Amino acid sequence: MKAATLAAGPAAPVLNCPEWTVRDLVTHLTTVLSYAVAAFTDRNAESPRASTWEDTLGRWDGERMAVREALRRPAETPLRSPFPHGGPITVGDWTRRLAHEFAIHRLDAESALPSPPVTRYRTEFAEDGIDEFLAFLSPRRGRPSCRDGIVQVSTDTRTWTVLLHAGQPPALGEGVPDLTLTGPADDVYRALWGRPNHAENVGDATLLEPLAAP
């Protein structure tokens, strides 16, 4: 991923996120890592402030090294949660969260290149990302739905059913879907994160709005 950011350069537009340049992307990633370090150390996160591209890269590298060292602790070690809902999270949860955060943003960095590579994620990894998004991240970040509905998300081998209730965060459950989102795991993974994909949705597409990527 860093190779793509360096090759693209700080001013290159990120096609997957039209409001961002590569420098904005790196700043976002540094902020995410800063929140992770704060959770690991029980301190407040610091907003990255960098005046030059070199300084931006240096701060990113520094936070990456700090996170890498913190993740050496046992996976079951409890940590402070940065999310408004849900219980405590662990080192293992943060490891998983960061793996998928960076996997998605790798696609963004590559989209800034003149000739983006064809990157595809393995089914097992993509399905884990779908599960992390629907079962872990969406309920915890607490974005409430404006209406009731049921969304079924399916790959070739797994299915998730998401219940939407007005004023409540999404939650997994059972029921007859009002919307289905289906496709190869890699495409469904990208669809949930709002990245270019070839997944198919059938039904009321507005029901995906409460699940929109942060």
C-alpha atoms as a PDB file:
ATOM      1  CA  MET A   1       0.000   0.000   0.000  1.00  0.00           C
ATOM      2  CA  LYS A   2       2.751   2.457   0.845  1.00  0.00           C
ATOM      3  CA  ALA A   3       4.352   1.775  -2.524  1.00  0.00           C
ATOM      4  CA  ALA A   4       1.120   2.887  -4.219  1.00  0.00           C
ATOM      5  CA  THR A   5       0.942   6.104  -2.173  1.00  0.00           C
ATOM      6  CA  LEU A   6       4.549   6.952  -2.985  1.00  0.00           C
ATOM      7  CA  ALA A   7       4.102   6.186  -6.668  1.00  0.00           C
ATOM      8  CA  ALA A   8       0.919   8.254  -6.916  1.00  0.00           C
ATOM      9  CA  GLY A   9       2.226  11.250  -4.966  1.00  0.00           C
ATOM     10  CA  PRO A  10       0.460  13.472  -2.421  1.00  0.00           C
ATOM     11  CA  ALA A  11      -1.620  15.539  -4.852  1.00  0.00           C
ATOM     12  CA  ALA A  12      -3.015  12.640  -6.894  1.00  0.00           C
ATOM     13  CA  PRO A  13      -6.824  12.314  -6.684  1.00  0.00           C
ATOM     14  CA  VAL A  14      -8.167   9.132  -5.097  1.00  0.00           C
ATOM     15  CA  LEU A  15     -10.728   7.891  -7.617  1.00  0.00           C
ATOM     16  CA  ASN A  16     -12.494   5.680  -5.071  1.00  0.00           C
ATOM     17  CA  CYS A  17     -12.962   8.688  -2.756  1.00  0.00           C
ATOM     18  CA  PRO A  18     -13.330  11.725  -5.039  1.00  0.00           C
ATOM     19  CA  GLU A  19     -13.105  14.236  -2.195  1.00  0.00           C
ATOM     20  CA  TRP A  20      -9.636  12.994  -1.214  1.00  0.00           C
ATOM     21  CA  THR A  21      -6.105  13.314  -2.485  1.00  0.00           C
ATOM     22  CA  VAL A  22      -3.476  10.734  -1.585  1.00  0.00           C
ATOM     23  CA  ARG A  23      -2.267  13.041   1.169  1.00  0.00           C
ATOM     24  CA  ASP A  24      -5.818  13.137   2.608  1.00  0.00           C
ATOM     25  CA  LEU A  25      -5.881   9.340   2.518  1.00  0.00           C
ATOM     26  CA  VAL A  26      -2.590   9.034   4.397  1.00  0.00           C
ATOM     27  CA  THR A  27      -3.762  11.598   6.953  1.00  0.00           C
ATOM     28  CA  HIS A  28      -6.958   9.587   7.496  1.00  0.00           C
ATOM     29  CA  LEU A  29      -5.001   6.373   7.999  1.00  0.00           C
ATOM     30  CA  THR A  30      -2.682   8.109  10.463  1.00  0.00           C
ATOM     31  CA  THR A  31      -5.733   9.308  12.403  1.00  0.00           C
ATOM     32  CA  VAL A  32      -7.156   5.770  12.548  1.00  0.00           C
ATOM     33  CA  LEU A  33      -3.844   4.465  13.834  1.00  0.00           C
ATOM     34  CA  SER A  34      -3.690   7.277  16.389  1.00  0.00           C
ATOM     35  CA  TYR A  35      -7.100   6.212  17.744  1.00  0.00           C
ATOM     36  CA  ALA A  36      -5.836   2.641  17.955  1.00  0.00           C
ATOM     37  CA  VAL A  37      -2.718   3.683  19.864  1.00  0.00           C
ATOM     38  CA  ALA A  38      -4.903   5.751  22.214  1.00  0.00           C
ATOM     39  CA  ALA A  39      -7.057   2.687  22.902  1.00  0.00           C
ATOM     40  CA  PHE A  40      -3.973   0.580  23.554  1.00  0.00           C
ATOM     41  CA  THR A  41      -2.423   3.126  25.925  1.00  0.00           C
ATOM     42  CA  ASP A  42      -5.661   4.514  27.429  1.00  0.00           C
ATOM     43  CA  ARG A  43      -4.757   8.035  26.305  1.00  0.00           C
ATOM     44  CA  ASN A  44      -6.527  10.572  24.127  1.00  0.00           C
ATOM     45  CA  ALA A  45      -5.875  10.383  20.410  1.00  0.00           C
ATOM     46  CA  GLU A  46      -3.849  13.163  18.835  1.00  0.00           C
ATOM     47  CA  SER A  47      -4.896  14.658  15.513  1.00  0.00           C
ATOM     48  CA  PRO A  48      -2.037  14.367  13.033  1.00  0.00           C
ATOM     49  CA  ARG A  49      -0.645  17.748  12.016  1.00  0.00           C
ATOM     50  CA  ALA A  50       1.927  17.744   9.254  1.00  0.00           C
ATOM     51  CA  SER A  51       3.205  20.637   7.185  1.00  0.00           C
ATOM     52  CA  THR A  52       4.972  18.659   4.456  1.00  0.00           C
ATOM     53  CA  TRP A  53       4.477  15.405   2.581  1.00  0.00           C
ATOM     54  CA  GLU A  54       7.625  14.019   4.184  1.00  0.00           C
ATOM     55  CA  ASP A  55       6.267  14.883   7.639  1.00  0.00           C
ATOM     56  CA  THR A  56       2.924  13.281   6.749  1.00  0.00           C
ATOM     57  CA  LEU A  57       4.685  10.051   5.765  1.00  0.00           C
ATOM     58  CA  GLY A  58       6.863  10.196   8.884  1.00  0.00           C
ATOM     59  CA  ARG A  59       3.866  10.482  11.196  1.00  0.00           C
ATOM     60  CA  TRP A  60       2.159   7.610   9.365  1.00  0.00           C
ATOM     61  CA  ASP A  61       5.243   5.430   9.797  1.00  0.00           C
ATOM     62  CA  GLY A  62       5.500   6.360  13.472  1.00  0.00           C
ATOM     63  CA  GLU A  63       1.910   5.392  14.225  1.00  0.00           C
ATOM     64  CA  ARG A  64       2.275   2.156  12.247  1.00  0.00           C
ATOM     65  CA  MET A  65       5.288   1.171  14.323  1.00  0.00           C
ATOM     66  CA  ALA A  66       3.469   1.994  17.567  1.00  0.00           C
ATOM     67  CA  VAL A  67       0.445  -0.089  16.557  1.00  0.00           C
ATOM     68  CA  ARG A  68       2.601  -2.999  15.416  1.00  0.00           C
ATOM     69  CA  GLU A  69       4.310  -3.080  18.810  1.00  0.00           C
ATOM     70  CA  ALA A  70       1.002  -2.820  20.702  1.00  0.00           C
ATOM     71  CA  LEU A  71      -0.530  -5.709  18.766  1.00  0.00           C
ATOM     72  CA  ARG A  72       2.132  -8.052  20.117  1.00  0.00           C
ATOM     73  CA  ARG A  73       0.032  -8.483  23.255  1.00  0.00           C
ATOM     74  CA  PRO A  74      -2.268 -11.533  23.619  1.00  0.00           C
ATOM     75  CA  ALA A  75      -5.339 -11.340  21.378  1.00  0.00           C
ATOM     76  CA  GLU A  76      -7.749 -11.625  24.323  1.00  0.00           C
ATOM     77  CA  THR A  77      -6.319  -8.558  26.117  1.00  0.00           C
ATOM     78  CA  PRO A  78      -9.226  -6.109  26.712  1.00  0.00           C
ATOM     79  CA  LEU A  79      -8.909  -2.534  25.447  1.00  0.00           C
ATOM     80  CA  ARG A  80     -10.956   0.643  25.656  1.00  0.00           C
ATOM     81  CA  SER A  81     -13.557   0.828  22.906  1.00  0.00           C
ATOM     82  CA  PRO A  82     -13.762   3.958  20.716  1.00  0.00           C
ATOM     83  CA  PHE A  83     -17.303   3.069  19.654  1.00  0.00           C
ATOM     84  CA  PRO A  84     -20.518   4.489  21.152  1.00  0.00           C
ATOM     85  CA  HIS A  85     -22.239   1.098  21.392  1.00  0.00           C
ATOM     86  CA  GLY A  86     -21.232  -2.448  22.259  1.00  0.00           C
ATOM     87  CA  GLY A  87     -19.015  -3.812  24.975  1.00  0.00           C
ATOM     88  CA  PRO A  88     -15.234  -3.798  25.447  1.00  0.00           C
ATOM     89  CA  ILE A  89     -13.051  -4.880  22.577  1.00  0.00           C
ATOM     90  CA  THR A  90      -9.797  -6.796  22.567  1.00  0.00           C
ATOM     91  CA  VAL A  91      -6.412  -6.673  20.905  1.00  0.00           C
ATOM     92  CA  GLY A  92      -7.712  -9.349  18.538  1.00  0.00           C
ATOM     93  CA  ASP A  93     -10.699  -7.187  17.605  1.00  0.00           C
ATOM     94  CA  TRP A  94      -8.410  -4.241  16.858  1.00  0.00           C
ATOM     95  CA  THR A  95      -6.111  -6.450  14.782  1.00  0.00           C
ATOM     96  CA  ARG A  96      -9.077  -7.534  12.682  1.00  0.00           C
ATOM     97  CA  ARG A  97     -10.461  -3.971  12.432  1.00  0.00           C
ATOM     98  CA  LEU A  98      -7.169  -2.558  11.213  1.00  0.00           C
ATOM     99  CA  ALA A  99      -6.603  -5.408   8.755  1.00  0.00           C
ATOM    100  CA  HIS A 100      -9.837  -4.582   6.957  1.00  0.00           C
ATOM    101  CA  GLU A 101      -9.460  -0.820   7.296  1.00  0.00           C
ATOM    102  CA  PHE A 102      -6.145  -1.017   5.496  1.00  0.00           C
ATOM    103  CA  ALA A 103      -7.328  -3.604   2.968  1.00  0.00           C
ATOM    104  CA  ILE A 104     -10.070  -1.256   1.789  1.00  0.00           C
ATOM    105  CA  HIS A 105      -7.800   1.774   1.763  1.00  0.00           C
ATOM    106  CA  ARG A 106      -5.196  -0.180  -0.186  1.00  0.00           C
ATOM    107  CA  LEU A 107      -7.754  -0.237  -2.988  1.00  0.00           C
ATOM    108  CA  ASP A 108      -8.140   3.518  -2.609  1.00  0.00           C
ATOM    109  CA  ALA A 109      -4.399   4.118  -2.820  1.00  0.00           C
ATOM    110  CA  GLU A 110      -4.161   1.930  -5.910  1.00  0.00           C
ATOM    111  CA  SER A 111      -7.065   3.808  -7.521  1.00  0.00           C
ATOM    112  CA  ALA A 112      -4.859   6.925  -7.505  1.00  0.00           C
ATOM    113  CA  LEU A 113      -2.290   5.290  -9.785  1.00  0.00           C
ATOM    114  CA  PRO A 114      -2.333   5.976 -13.538  1.00  0.00           C
ATOM    115  CA  SER A 115      -2.769   2.229 -14.163  1.00  0.00           C
ATOM    116  CA  PRO A 116      -4.317   0.632 -11.027  1.00  0.00           C
ATOM    117  CA  PRO A 117      -3.410  -3.047 -10.527  1.00  0.00           C
ATOM    118  CA  VAL A 118      -6.140  -5.687 -10.494  1.00  0.00           C
ATOM    119  CA  THR A 119      -6.296  -6.518  -6.797  1.00  0.00           C
ATOM    120  CA  ARG A 120      -8.672  -9.254  -5.636  1.00  0.00           C
ATOM    121  CA  TYR A 121      -8.993 -10.510  -2.081  1.00  0.00           C
ATOM    122  CA  ARG A 122      -9.279 -14.193  -1.254  1.00  0.00           C
ATOM    123  CA  THR A 123     -12.783 -15.440  -0.428  1.00  0.00           C
ATOM    124  CA  GLU A 124     -11.870 -16.262   3.180  1.00  0.00           C
ATOM    125  CA  PHE A 125     -10.443 -12.806   3.815  1.00  0.00           C
ATOM    126  CA  ALA A 126     -13.299 -10.990   2.074  1.00  0.00           C
ATOM    127  CA  GLU A 127     -15.915 -12.988   3.966  1.00  0.00           C
ATOM    128  CA  ASP A 128     -14.172 -12.205   7.226  1.00  0.00           C
ATOM    129  CA  GLY A 129     -14.309  -8.540   6.201  1.00  0.00           C
ATOM    130  CA  ILE A 130     -18.038  -8.769   5.498  1.00  0.00           C
ATOM    131  CA  ASP A 131     -18.596 -10.406   8.875  1.00  0.00           C
ATOM    132  CA  GLU A 132     -16.439  -7.806  10.633  1.00  0.00           C
ATOM    133  CA  PHE A 133     -18.409  -5.017   8.958  1.00  0.00           C
ATOM    134  CA  LEU A 134     -21.871  -6.433   9.684  1.00  0.00           C
ATOM    135  CA  ALA A 135     -21.401  -8.219  13.015  1.00  0.00           C
ATOM    136  CA  PHE A 136     -18.774  -6.033  14.688  1.00  0.00           C
ATOM    137  CA  LEU A 137     -18.436  -2.554  13.197  1.00  0.00           C
ATOM    138  CA  SER A 138     -22.001  -1.627  12.178  1.00  0.00           C
ATOM    139  CA  PRO A 139     -23.668  -2.399  15.545  1.00  0.00           C
ATOM    140  CA  ARG A 140     -20.908  -0.618  17.502  1.00  0.00           C
ATOM    141  CA  ARG A 141     -20.639   2.616  15.585  1.00  0.00           C
ATOM    142  CA  GLY A 142     -24.333   3.139  16.280  1.00  0.00           C
ATOM    143  CA  ARG A 143     -25.598   4.739  13.077  1.00  0.00           C
ATOM    144  CA  PRO A 144     -29.387   4.429  13.585  1.00  0.00           C
ATOM    145  CA  SER A 145     -31.754   3.432  10.833  1.00  0.00           C
ATOM    146  CA  CYS A 146     -34.579   5.779   9.848  1.00  0.00           C
ATOM    147  CA  ARG A 147     -36.909   2.893   9.068  1.00  0.00           C
ATOM    148  CA  ASP A 148     -37.553  -0.817   9.491  1.00  0.00           C
ATOM    149  CA  GLY A 149     -36.324  -3.360   6.997  1.00  0.00           C
ATOM    150  CA  ILE A 150     -34.329  -6.527   6.459  1.00  0.00           C
ATOM    151  CA  VAL A 151     -31.195  -6.796   4.348  1.00  0.00           C
ATOM    152  CA  GLN A 152     -29.744 -10.153   3.320  1.00  0.00           C
ATOM    153  CA  VAL A 153     -26.078 -10.203   2.314  1.00  0.00           C
ATOM    154  CA  SER A 154     -24.831 -13.337   0.561  1.00  0.00           C
ATOM    155  CA  THR A 155     -21.642 -14.652  -1.014  1.00  0.00           C
ATOM    156  CA  ASP A 156     -21.276 -18.027  -2.687  1.00  0.00           C
ATOM    157  CA  THR A 157     -20.787 -19.726   0.692  1.00  0.00           C
ATOM    158  CA  ARG A 158     -22.145 -17.483   3.491  1.00  0.00           C
ATOM    159  CA  THR A 159     -25.234 -15.422   4.294  1.00  0.00           C
ATOM    160  CA  TRP A 160     -25.872 -12.639   6.803  1.00  0.00           C
ATOM    161  CA  THR A 161     -29.307 -11.211   7.637  1.00  0.00           C
ATOM    162  CA  VAL A 162     -29.329  -7.661   8.980  1.00  0.00           C
ATOM    163  CA  LEU A 163     -32.334  -6.271  10.838  1.00  0.00           C
ATOM    164  CA  LEU A 164     -33.014  -2.540  10.652  1.00  0.00           C
ATOM    165  CA  HIS A 165     -35.291  -0.880  13.192  1.00  0.00           C
ATOM    166  CA  ALA A 166     -35.977   2.856  13.274  1.00  0.00           C
ATOM    167  CA  GLY A 167     -33.783   4.629  15.817  1.00  0.00           C
ATOM    168  CA  GLN A 168     -31.588   1.581  16.468  1.00  0.00           C
ATOM    169  CA  PRO A 169     -28.228   0.407  15.105  1.00  0.00           C
ATOM    170  CA  PRO A 170     -28.293  -2.510  12.634  1.00  0.00           C
ATOM    171  CA  ALA A 171     -28.178  -5.992  14.164  1.00  0.00           C
ATOM    172  CA  LEU A 172     -27.897  -9.519  12.826  1.00  0.00           C
ATOM    173  CA  GLY A 173     -31.008 -11.677  13.016  1.00  0.00           C
ATOM    174  CA  GLU A 174     -33.482 -13.584  10.875  1.00  0.00           C
ATOM    175  CA  GLY A 175     -36.320 -12.702   8.557  1.00  0.00           C
ATOM    176  CA  VAL A 176     -37.550 -12.359   4.993  1.00  0.00           C
ATOM    177  CA  PRO A 177     -35.364  -9.763   3.210  1.00  0.00           C
ATOM    178  CA  ASP A 178     -36.609  -6.547   1.658  1.00  0.00           C
ATOM    179  CA  LEU A 179     -33.251  -6.233  -0.096  1.00  0.00           C
ATOM    180  CA  THR A 180     -30.654  -8.786  -1.115  1.00  0.00           C
ATOM    181  CA  LEU A 181     -27.009  -8.007  -1.831  1.00  0.00           C
ATOM    182  CA  THR A 182     -25.245 -10.903  -3.523  1.00  0.00           C
ATOM    183  CA  GLY A 183     -22.087 -11.720  -5.439  1.00  0.00           C
ATOM    184  CA  PRO A 184     -18.569 -13.086  -5.080  1.00  0.00           C
ATOM    185  CA  ALA A 185     -17.166 -12.350  -1.632  1.00  0.00           C
ATOM    186  CA  ASP A 186     -14.679  -9.778  -2.899  1.00  0.00           C
ATOM    187  CA  ASP A 187     -17.400  -7.801  -4.662  1.00  0.00           C
ATOM    188  CA  VAL A 188     -19.806  -7.894  -1.706  1.00  0.00           C
ATOM    189  CA  TYR A 189     -16.965  -6.777   0.576  1.00  0.00           C
ATOM    190  CA  ARG A 190     -16.322  -3.776  -1.690  1.00  0.00           C
ATOM    191  CA  ALA A 191     -20.038  -3.020  -2.030  1.00  0.00           C
ATOM    192  CA  LEU A 192     -20.497  -2.715   1.730  1.00  0.00           C
ATOM    193  CA  TRP A 193     -17.594  -0.292   1.842  1.00  0.00           C
ATOM    194  CA  GLY A 194     -18.927   1.720  -1.108  1.00  0.00           C
ATOM    195  CA  ARG A 195     -16.070   0.820  -3.456  1.00  0.00           C
ATOM    196  CA  PRO A 196     -16.418  -0.139  -7.147  1.00  0.00           C
ATOM    197  CA  ASN A 197     -17.832  -3.647  -7.394  1.00  0.00           C
ATOM    198  CA  HIS A 198     -19.941  -6.082  -9.399  1.00  0.00           C
ATOM    199  CA  ALA A 199     -22.263  -7.224  -6.613  1.00  0.00           C
ATOM    200  CA  GLU A 200     -25.992  -7.266  -7.328  1.00  0.00           C
ATOM    201  CA  ASN A 201     -28.731  -5.838  -5.147  1.00  0.00           C
ATOM    202  CA  VAL A 202     -32.404  -6.625  -5.600  1.00  0.00           C
ATOM    203  CA  GLY A 203     -35.095  -4.733  -3.708  1.00  0.00           C
ATOM    204  CA  ASP A 204     -35.159  -1.411  -1.913  1.00  0.00           C
ATOM    205  CA  ALA A 205     -31.590  -0.109  -2.267  1.00  0.00           C
ATOM    206  CA  THR A 206     -32.227   2.710   0.225  1.00  0.00           C
ATOM    207  CA  LEU A 207     -32.051   0.093   2.978  1.00  0.00           C
ATOM    208  CA  LEU A 208     -28.287   0.028   2.466  1.00  0.00           C
ATOM    209  CA  GLU A 209     -28.011   3.622   3.690  1.00  0.00           C
ATOM    210  CA  PRO A 210     -27.854   2.724   7.422  1.00  0.00           C
ATOM    211  CA  LEU A 211     -25.025   0.335   6.518  1.00  0.00           C
ATOM    212  CA  ALA A 212     -23.049   2.941   4.556  1.00  0.00           C
ATOM    213  CA  ALA A 213     -19.349   2.765   5.256  1.00  0.00           C
ATOM    214  CA  PRO A 214     -18.009   5.262   7.801  1.00  0.00           C
END
